[in-house]
PDB file of all heavy atoms in Angstrom:
ATOM      1  N   ARG A   1      85.397 119.115 141.664  1.00  0.00           N
ATOM      2  CA  ARG A   1      84.496 118.085 141.287  1.00  0.00           C
ATOM      3  C   ARG A   1      83.306 118.780 140.686  1.00  0.00           C
ATOM      4  O   ARG A   1      82.164 118.199 140.701  1.00  0.00           O
ATOM      5  CB  ARG A   1      84.079 117.290 142.455  1.00  0.00           C
ATOM      6  CG  ARG A   1      85.328 116.548 143.024  1.00  0.00           C
ATOM      7  CD  ARG A   1      84.823 115.620 144.174  1.00  0.00           C
ATOM      8  NE  ARG A   1      83.980 114.539 143.738  1.00  0.00           N
ATOM      9  CZ  ARG A   1      84.348 113.355 143.207  1.00  0.00           C
ATOM     10  NH1 ARG A   1      85.654 113.133 143.102  1.00  0.00           N
ATOM     11  NH2 ARG A   1      83.539 112.411 142.865  1.00  0.00           N
ATOM     12  N   ALA A   2      83.474 119.941 140.117  1.00  0.00           N
ATOM     13  CA  ALA A   2      82.270 120.568 139.383  1.00  0.00           C
ATOM     14  C   ALA A   2      82.078 119.964 138.014  1.00  0.00           C
ATOM     15  O   ALA A   2      82.985 119.254 137.406  1.00  0.00           O
ATOM     16  CB  ALA A   2      82.622 122.112 139.217  1.00  0.00           C
ATOM     17  N   HIS A   3      80.815 120.059 137.472  1.00  0.00           N
ATOM     18  CA  HIS A   3      80.378 119.504 136.271  1.00  0.00           C
ATOM     19  C   HIS A   3      80.619 120.731 135.257  1.00  0.00           C
ATOM     20  O   HIS A   3      79.765 121.434 134.987  1.00  0.00           O
ATOM     21  CB  HIS A   3      79.050 119.017 136.275  1.00  0.00           C
ATOM     22  CG  HIS A   3      78.423 118.637 134.935  1.00  0.00           C
ATOM     23  ND1 HIS A   3      79.120 117.880 134.049  1.00  0.00           N
ATOM     24  CD2 HIS A   3      77.211 118.807 134.424  1.00  0.00           C
ATOM     25  CE1 HIS A   3      78.484 117.618 132.962  1.00  0.00           C
ATOM     26  NE2 HIS A   3      77.232 118.264 133.130  1.00  0.00           N
ATOM     27  N   THR A   4      81.906 120.725 134.604  1.00  0.00           N
ATOM     28  CA  THR A   4      82.222 121.835 133.699  1.00  0.00           C
ATOM     29  C   THR A   4      81.611 121.393 132.301  1.00  0.00           C
ATOM     30  O   THR A   4      81.547 120.251 131.886  1.00  0.00           O
ATOM     31  CB  THR A   4      83.679 121.951 133.552  1.00  0.00           C
ATOM     32  OG1 THR A   4      84.265 120.752 133.137  1.00  0.00           O
ATOM     33  CG2 THR A   4      84.259 122.484 134.903  1.00  0.00           C
ATOM     34  N   MET A   5      81.163 122.444 131.585  1.00  0.00           N
ATOM     35  CA  MET A   5      80.619 122.281 130.217  1.00  0.00           C
ATOM     36  C   MET A   5      81.751 122.106 129.260  1.00  0.00           C
ATOM     37  O   MET A   5      82.973 122.526 129.440  1.00  0.00           O
ATOM     38  CB  MET A   5      79.856 123.570 129.822  1.00  0.00           C
ATOM     39  CG  MET A   5      78.740 123.877 130.773  1.00  0.00           C
ATOM     40  SD  MET A   5      77.455 122.655 130.748  1.00  0.00           S
ATOM     41  CE  MET A   5      77.811 121.862 132.383  1.00  0.00           C
ATOM     42  N   PRO A   6      81.546 121.245 128.123  1.00  0.00           N
ATOM     43  CA  PRO A   6      82.498 120.917 127.189  1.00  0.00           C
ATOM     44  C   PRO A   6      83.099 122.237 126.606  1.00  0.00           C
ATOM     45  O   PRO A   6      84.427 122.199 126.279  1.00  0.00           O
ATOM     46  CB  PRO A   6      81.812 120.082 126.215  1.00  0.00           C
ATOM     47  CG  PRO A   6      80.588 119.496 126.902  1.00  0.00           C
ATOM     48  CD  PRO A   6      80.252 120.567 127.853  1.00  0.00           C
ATOM     49  N   THR A   7      82.352 123.182 126.343  1.00  0.00           N
ATOM     50  CA  THR A   7      82.781 124.432 125.708  1.00  0.00           C
ATOM     51  C   THR A   7      83.186 125.537 126.725  1.00  0.00           C
ATOM     52  O   THR A   7      82.364 125.775 127.611  1.00  0.00           O
ATOM     53  CB  THR A   7      81.734 125.043 124.723  1.00  0.00           C
ATOM     54  OG1 THR A   7      81.373 124.054 123.717  1.00  0.00           O
ATOM     55  CG2 THR A   7      82.228 126.273 124.095  1.00  0.00           C
ATOM     56  N   ALA A   8      84.372 126.028 126.601  1.00  0.00           N
ATOM     57  CA  ALA A   8      84.805 127.143 127.470  1.00  0.00           C
ATOM     58  C   ALA A   8      85.173 128.318 126.543  1.00  0.00           C
ATOM     59  O   ALA A   8      85.620 128.097 125.378  1.00  0.00           O
ATOM     60  CB  ALA A   8      86.010 126.671 128.368  1.00  0.00           C
ATOM     61  N   ILE A   9      84.950 129.516 126.971  1.00  0.00           N
ATOM     62  CA  ILE A   9      84.988 130.633 126.152  1.00  0.00           C
ATOM     63  C   ILE A   9      86.218 131.598 126.533  1.00  0.00           C
ATOM     64  O   ILE A   9      86.192 132.030 127.716  1.00  0.00           O
ATOM     65  CB  ILE A   9      83.734 131.494 126.054  1.00  0.00           C
ATOM     66  CG1 ILE A   9      82.558 130.571 125.572  1.00  0.00           C
ATOM     67  CG2 ILE A   9      83.860 132.627 125.216  1.00  0.00           C
ATOM     68  CD1 ILE A   9      81.823 129.684 126.573  1.00  0.00           C
ATOM     69  N   TYR A  10      87.108 131.782 125.550  1.00  0.00           N
ATOM     70  CA  TYR A  10      88.196 132.718 125.782  1.00  0.00           C
ATOM     71  C   TYR A  10      87.972 133.951 124.868  1.00  0.00           C
ATOM     72  O   TYR A  10      87.659 133.718 123.633  1.00  0.00           O
ATOM     73  CB  TYR A  10      89.554 132.153 125.561  1.00  0.00           C
ATOM     74  CG  TYR A  10      90.641 133.039 125.617  1.00  0.00           C
ATOM     75  CD1 TYR A  10      91.309 133.100 126.932  1.00  0.00           C
ATOM     76  CD2 TYR A  10      91.288 133.728 124.547  1.00  0.00           C
ATOM     77  CE1 TYR A  10      92.347 134.100 127.130  1.00  0.00           C
ATOM     78  CE2 TYR A  10      92.303 134.545 124.769  1.00  0.00           C
ATOM     79  CZ  TYR A  10      92.811 134.798 126.012  1.00  0.00           C
ATOM     80  OH  TYR A  10      93.941 135.561 126.226  1.00  0.00           O
ATOM     81  N   ALA A  11      88.163 135.061 125.440  1.00  0.00           N
ATOM     82  CA  ALA A  11      88.040 136.359 124.553  1.00  0.00           C
ATOM     83  C   ALA A  11      89.262 137.204 124.638  1.00  0.00           C
ATOM     84  O   ALA A  11      89.720 137.607 125.730  1.00  0.00           O
ATOM     85  CB  ALA A  11      86.822 137.122 125.040  1.00  0.00           C
ATOM     86  N   SER A  12      89.940 137.450 123.484  1.00  0.00           N
ATOM     87  CA  SER A  12      91.106 138.421 123.424  1.00  0.00           C
ATOM     88  C   SER A  12      90.579 139.652 122.722  1.00  0.00           C
ATOM     89  O   SER A  12      89.478 139.674 122.204  1.00  0.00           O
ATOM     90  CB  SER A  12      92.155 137.756 122.654  1.00  0.00           C
ATOM     91  OG  SER A  12      91.735 137.390 121.259  1.00  0.00           O
ATOM     92  N   PRO A  13      91.443 140.653 122.653  1.00  0.00           N
ATOM     93  CA  PRO A  13      90.991 141.937 122.062  1.00  0.00           C
ATOM     94  C   PRO A  13      90.408 141.818 120.769  1.00  0.00           C
ATOM     95  O   PRO A  13      89.501 142.524 120.341  1.00  0.00           O
ATOM     96  CB  PRO A  13      92.208 142.871 122.136  1.00  0.00           C
ATOM     97  CG  PRO A  13      92.947 142.301 123.452  1.00  0.00           C
ATOM     98  CD  PRO A  13      92.693 140.804 123.337  1.00  0.00           C
ATOM     99  N   GLU A  14      91.063 140.993 119.870  1.00  0.00           N
ATOM    100  CA  GLU A  14      90.649 140.839 118.527  1.00  0.00           C
ATOM    101  C   GLU A  14      89.181 140.156 118.343  1.00  0.00           C
ATOM    102  O   GLU A  14      88.609 140.159 117.329  1.00  0.00           O
ATOM    103  CB  GLU A  14      91.651 140.144 117.686  1.00  0.00           C
ATOM    104  CG  GLU A  14      92.057 138.754 118.238  1.00  0.00           C
ATOM    105  CD  GLU A  14      93.312 138.755 119.044  1.00  0.00           C
ATOM    106  OE1 GLU A  14      93.543 139.806 119.662  1.00  0.00           O
ATOM    107  OE2 GLU A  14      94.054 137.814 119.077  1.00  0.00           O
ATOM    108  N   ASP A  15      88.774 139.477 119.433  1.00  0.00           N
ATOM    109  CA  ASP A  15      87.494 138.718 119.391  1.00  0.00           C
ATOM    110  C   ASP A  15      86.355 139.809 119.462  1.00  0.00           C
ATOM    111  O   ASP A  15      85.275 139.448 118.964  1.00  0.00           O
ATOM    112  CB  ASP A  15      87.393 137.804 120.538  1.00  0.00           C
ATOM    113  CG  ASP A  15      88.251 136.571 120.293  1.00  0.00           C
ATOM    114  OD1 ASP A  15      88.321 136.030 119.156  1.00  0.00           O
ATOM    115  OD2 ASP A  15      88.868 136.103 121.260  1.00  0.00           O
ATOM    116  N   TRP A  16      86.565 140.786 120.152  1.00  0.00           N
ATOM    117  CA  TRP A  16      85.401 141.837 120.351  1.00  0.00           C
ATOM    118  C   TRP A  16      85.210 142.543 118.971  1.00  0.00           C
ATOM    119  O   TRP A  16      86.079 143.033 118.474  1.00  0.00           O
ATOM    120  CB  TRP A  16      85.751 142.808 121.421  1.00  0.00           C
ATOM    121  CG  TRP A  16      86.047 142.218 122.752  1.00  0.00           C
ATOM    122  CD1 TRP A  16      87.262 142.052 123.366  1.00  0.00           C
ATOM    123  CD2 TRP A  16      85.062 141.569 123.628  1.00  0.00           C
ATOM    124  NE1 TRP A  16      87.007 141.433 124.596  1.00  0.00           N
ATOM    125  CE2 TRP A  16      85.789 141.053 124.753  1.00  0.00           C
ATOM    126  CE3 TRP A  16      83.680 141.421 123.572  1.00  0.00           C
ATOM    127  CZ2 TRP A  16      85.172 140.424 125.806  1.00  0.00           C
ATOM    128  CZ3 TRP A  16      83.034 140.754 124.612  1.00  0.00           C
ATOM    129  CH2 TRP A  16      83.782 140.329 125.732  1.00  0.00           C
ATOM    130  N   GLY A  17      83.970 142.462 118.588  1.00  0.00           N
ATOM    131  CA  GLY A  17      83.647 142.987 117.343  1.00  0.00           C
ATOM    132  C   GLY A  17      83.880 142.143 116.066  1.00  0.00           C
ATOM    133  O   GLY A  17      83.764 142.588 114.907  1.00  0.00           O
ATOM    134  N   GLN A  18      84.289 141.007 116.338  1.00  0.00           N
ATOM    135  CA  GLN A  18      84.666 139.989 115.278  1.00  0.00           C
ATOM    136  C   GLN A  18      83.366 139.584 114.537  1.00  0.00           C
ATOM    137  O   GLN A  18      82.336 139.383 115.276  1.00  0.00           O
ATOM    138  CB  GLN A  18      85.408 138.830 115.770  1.00  0.00           C
ATOM    139  CG  GLN A  18      85.902 137.852 114.692  1.00  0.00           C
ATOM    140  CD  GLN A  18      86.632 136.631 115.439  1.00  0.00           C
ATOM    141  OE1 GLN A  18      85.928 135.835 115.910  1.00  0.00           O
ATOM    142  NE2 GLN A  18      87.907 136.523 115.235  1.00  0.00           N
ATOM    143  N   SER A  19      83.327 139.400 113.309  1.00  0.00           N
ATOM    144  CA  SER A  19      82.168 138.969 112.579  1.00  0.00           C
ATOM    145  C   SER A  19      81.734 137.568 113.049  1.00  0.00           C
ATOM    146  O   SER A  19      82.610 136.709 113.431  1.00  0.00           O
ATOM    147  CB  SER A  19      82.443 139.018 111.045  1.00  0.00           C
ATOM    148  OG  SER A  19      83.538 138.124 110.773  1.00  0.00           O
ATOM    149  N   SER A  20      80.396 137.416 112.951  1.00  0.00           N
ATOM    150  CA  SER A  20      79.979 136.050 113.379  1.00  0.00           C
ATOM    151  C   SER A  20      80.387 134.945 112.474  1.00  0.00           C
ATOM    152  O   SER A  20      80.761 135.081 111.313  1.00  0.00           O
ATOM    153  CB  SER A  20      78.432 136.179 113.484  1.00  0.00           C
ATOM    154  OG  SER A  20      77.913 136.361 112.205  1.00  0.00           O
ATOM    155  N   GLY A  21      80.470 133.632 113.047  1.00  0.00           N
ATOM    156  CA  GLY A  21      80.899 132.594 112.264  1.00  0.00           C
ATOM    157  C   GLY A  21      81.106 131.505 113.272  1.00  0.00           C
ATOM    158  O   GLY A  21      81.063 131.654 114.492  1.00  0.00           O
ATOM    159  N   VAL A  22      81.553 130.284 112.688  1.00  0.00           N
ATOM    160  CA  VAL A  22      81.761 129.067 113.574  1.00  0.00           C
ATOM    161  C   VAL A  22      82.849 129.309 114.545  1.00  0.00           C
ATOM    162  O   VAL A  22      83.011 128.559 115.479  1.00  0.00           O
ATOM    163  CB  VAL A  22      81.832 127.864 112.738  1.00  0.00           C
ATOM    164  CG1 VAL A  22      80.537 127.532 112.045  1.00  0.00           C
ATOM    165  CG2 VAL A  22      83.055 127.989 111.774  1.00  0.00           C
ATOM    166  N   THR A  23      83.757 130.246 114.222  1.00  0.00           N
ATOM    167  CA  THR A  23      84.923 130.479 115.110  1.00  0.00           C
ATOM    168  C   THR A  23      84.761 131.780 115.908  1.00  0.00           C
ATOM    169  O   THR A  23      85.664 132.118 116.606  1.00  0.00           O
ATOM    170  CB  THR A  23      86.170 130.527 114.352  1.00  0.00           C
ATOM    171  OG1 THR A  23      86.256 131.542 113.307  1.00  0.00           O
ATOM    172  CG2 THR A  23      86.494 129.178 113.641  1.00  0.00           C
ATOM    173  N   GLY A  24      83.744 132.559 115.634  1.00  0.00           N
ATOM    174  CA  GLY A  24      83.532 133.920 116.272  1.00  0.00           C
ATOM    175  C   GLY A  24      83.104 133.736 117.716  1.00  0.00           C
ATOM    176  O   GLY A  24      82.690 132.740 118.152  1.00  0.00           O
ATOM    177  N   LEU A  25      83.407 134.767 118.486  1.00  0.00           N
ATOM    178  CA  LEU A  25      83.089 134.842 119.885  1.00  0.00           C
ATOM    179  C   LEU A  25      81.554 134.687 120.188  1.00  0.00           C
ATOM    180  O   LEU A  25      81.216 133.909 121.042  1.00  0.00           O
ATOM    181  CB  LEU A  25      83.558 136.252 120.539  1.00  0.00           C
ATOM    182  CG  LEU A  25      83.299 136.357 121.950  1.00  0.00           C
ATOM    183  CD1 LEU A  25      84.061 135.295 122.740  1.00  0.00           C
ATOM    184  CD2 LEU A  25      83.712 137.768 122.452  1.00  0.00           C
ATOM    185  N   GLU A  26      80.807 135.253 119.314  1.00  0.00           N
ATOM    186  CA  GLU A  26      79.313 135.153 119.584  1.00  0.00           C
ATOM    187  C   GLU A  26      78.929 133.730 119.444  1.00  0.00           C
ATOM    188  O   GLU A  26      78.072 133.196 120.182  1.00  0.00           O
ATOM    189  CB  GLU A  26      78.592 136.042 118.569  1.00  0.00           C
ATOM    190  CG  GLU A  26      77.072 136.064 118.717  1.00  0.00           C
ATOM    191  CD  GLU A  26      76.346 136.947 117.652  1.00  0.00           C
ATOM    192  OE1 GLU A  26      77.037 137.744 116.977  1.00  0.00           O
ATOM    193  OE2 GLU A  26      75.102 136.778 117.392  1.00  0.00           O
ATOM    194  N   PHE A  27      79.439 133.051 118.431  1.00  0.00           N
ATOM    195  CA  PHE A  27      79.073 131.583 118.230  1.00  0.00           C
ATOM    196  C   PHE A  27      79.471 130.767 119.445  1.00  0.00           C
ATOM    197  O   PHE A  27      78.775 129.881 119.934  1.00  0.00           O
ATOM    198  CB  PHE A  27      79.754 131.039 116.986  1.00  0.00           C
ATOM    199  CG  PHE A  27      79.571 129.601 116.704  1.00  0.00           C
ATOM    200  CD1 PHE A  27      78.337 129.192 116.053  1.00  0.00           C
ATOM    201  CD2 PHE A  27      80.377 128.647 117.118  1.00  0.00           C
ATOM    202  CE1 PHE A  27      78.160 127.821 115.891  1.00  0.00           C
ATOM    203  CE2 PHE A  27      80.234 127.242 116.925  1.00  0.00           C
ATOM    204  CZ  PHE A  27      79.013 126.885 116.237  1.00  0.00           C
ATOM    205  N   ARG A  28      80.760 130.942 119.922  1.00  0.00           N
ATOM    206  CA  ARG A  28      81.289 130.211 121.053  1.00  0.00           C
ATOM    207  C   ARG A  28      80.417 130.507 122.363  1.00  0.00           C
ATOM    208  O   ARG A  28      80.225 129.580 123.098  1.00  0.00           O
ATOM    209  CB  ARG A  28      82.780 130.585 121.205  1.00  0.00           C
ATOM    210  CG  ARG A  28      83.635 129.961 120.184  1.00  0.00           C
ATOM    211  CD  ARG A  28      85.021 130.287 120.424  1.00  0.00           C
ATOM    212  NE  ARG A  28      85.407 131.514 119.864  1.00  0.00           N
ATOM    213  CZ  ARG A  28      86.122 132.480 120.431  1.00  0.00           C
ATOM    214  NH1 ARG A  28      86.506 132.277 121.635  1.00  0.00           N
ATOM    215  NH2 ARG A  28      86.399 133.631 119.790  1.00  0.00           N
ATOM    216  N   ILE A  29      80.062 131.766 122.521  1.00  0.00           N
ATOM    217  CA  ILE A  29      79.299 132.149 123.684  1.00  0.00           C
ATOM    218  C   ILE A  29      77.928 131.371 123.616  1.00  0.00           C
ATOM    219  O   ILE A  29      77.424 130.712 124.602  1.00  0.00           O
ATOM    220  CB  ILE A  29      79.041 133.561 123.732  1.00  0.00           C
ATOM    221  CG1 ILE A  29      80.326 134.329 124.127  1.00  0.00           C
ATOM    222  CG2 ILE A  29      77.852 133.949 124.706  1.00  0.00           C
ATOM    223  CD1 ILE A  29      80.163 135.863 124.092  1.00  0.00           C
ATOM    224  N   SER A  30      77.317 131.360 122.440  1.00  0.00           N
ATOM    225  CA  SER A  30      75.984 130.665 122.244  1.00  0.00           C
ATOM    226  C   SER A  30      76.071 129.155 122.431  1.00  0.00           C
ATOM    227  O   SER A  30      75.320 128.607 123.030  1.00  0.00           O
ATOM    228  CB  SER A  30      75.458 130.934 120.854  1.00  0.00           C
ATOM    229  OG  SER A  30      74.218 130.352 120.664  1.00  0.00           O
ATOM    230  N   GLN A  31      77.247 128.572 121.972  1.00  0.00           N
ATOM    231  CA  GLN A  31      77.469 127.144 122.149  1.00  0.00           C
ATOM    232  C   GLN A  31      77.590 126.744 123.663  1.00  0.00           C
ATOM    233  O   GLN A  31      76.980 125.847 124.090  1.00  0.00           O
ATOM    234  CB  GLN A  31      78.644 126.669 121.360  1.00  0.00           C
ATOM    235  CG  GLN A  31      78.870 125.191 121.421  1.00  0.00           C
ATOM    236  CD  GLN A  31      79.949 124.815 120.373  1.00  0.00           C
ATOM    237  OE1 GLN A  31      79.758 125.034 119.140  1.00  0.00           O
ATOM    238  NE2 GLN A  31      80.984 124.152 120.836  1.00  0.00           N
ATOM    239  N   GLY A  32      78.463 127.531 124.327  1.00  0.00           N
ATOM    240  CA  GLY A  32      78.681 127.206 125.774  1.00  0.00           C
ATOM    241  C   GLY A  32      77.485 127.452 126.519  1.00  0.00           C
ATOM    242  O   GLY A  32      77.085 126.688 127.486  1.00  0.00           O
ATOM    243  N   ALA A  33      76.733 128.495 126.236  1.00  0.00           N
ATOM    244  CA  ALA A  33      75.473 128.803 126.992  1.00  0.00           C
ATOM    245  C   ALA A  33      74.404 127.877 126.792  1.00  0.00           C
ATOM    246  O   ALA A  33      73.703 127.375 127.626  1.00  0.00           O
ATOM    247  CB  ALA A  33      74.945 130.169 126.548  1.00  0.00           C
ATOM    248  N   GLY A  34      74.350 127.319 125.501  1.00  0.00           N
ATOM    249  CA  GLY A  34      73.339 126.264 125.250  1.00  0.00           C
ATOM    250  C   GLY A  34      73.616 124.986 125.949  1.00  0.00           C
ATOM    251  O   GLY A  34      72.751 124.281 126.471  1.00  0.00           O
ATOM    252  N   GLU A  35      74.928 124.669 126.186  1.00  0.00           N
ATOM    253  CA  GLU A  35      75.320 123.463 126.960  1.00  0.00           C
ATOM    254  C   GLU A  35      74.911 123.635 128.449  1.00  0.00           C
ATOM    255  O   GLU A  35      74.400 122.707 128.990  1.00  0.00           O
ATOM    256  CB  GLU A  35      76.755 123.246 126.899  1.00  0.00           C
ATOM    257  CG  GLU A  35      77.268 122.824 125.471  1.00  0.00           C
ATOM    258  CD  GLU A  35      78.723 122.885 125.215  1.00  0.00           C
ATOM    259  OE1 GLU A  35      79.510 123.272 126.160  1.00  0.00           O
ATOM    260  OE2 GLU A  35      79.167 122.443 124.078  1.00  0.00           O
ATOM    261  N   LEU A  36      75.101 124.762 128.987  1.00  0.00           N
ATOM    262  CA  LEU A  36      74.766 124.989 130.398  1.00  0.00           C
ATOM    263  C   LEU A  36      73.247 124.966 130.555  1.00  0.00           C
ATOM    264  O   LEU A  36      72.759 124.413 131.534  1.00  0.00           O
ATOM    265  CB  LEU A  36      75.258 126.339 130.962  1.00  0.00           C
ATOM    266  CG  LEU A  36      75.042 126.573 132.430  1.00  0.00           C
ATOM    267  CD1 LEU A  36      75.694 125.469 133.322  1.00  0.00           C
ATOM    268  CD2 LEU A  36      75.524 127.955 132.797  1.00  0.00           C
TER     269      LEU A  36
END
């Protein structure tokens, strides 16, 4: 019964060091963090 944020973040090896963009790990982290 936790209130989970709409965005959840998954990171695979290819995500680390990936260039920024709407599908990049950095963007997803920022989006989820902003929701919390």
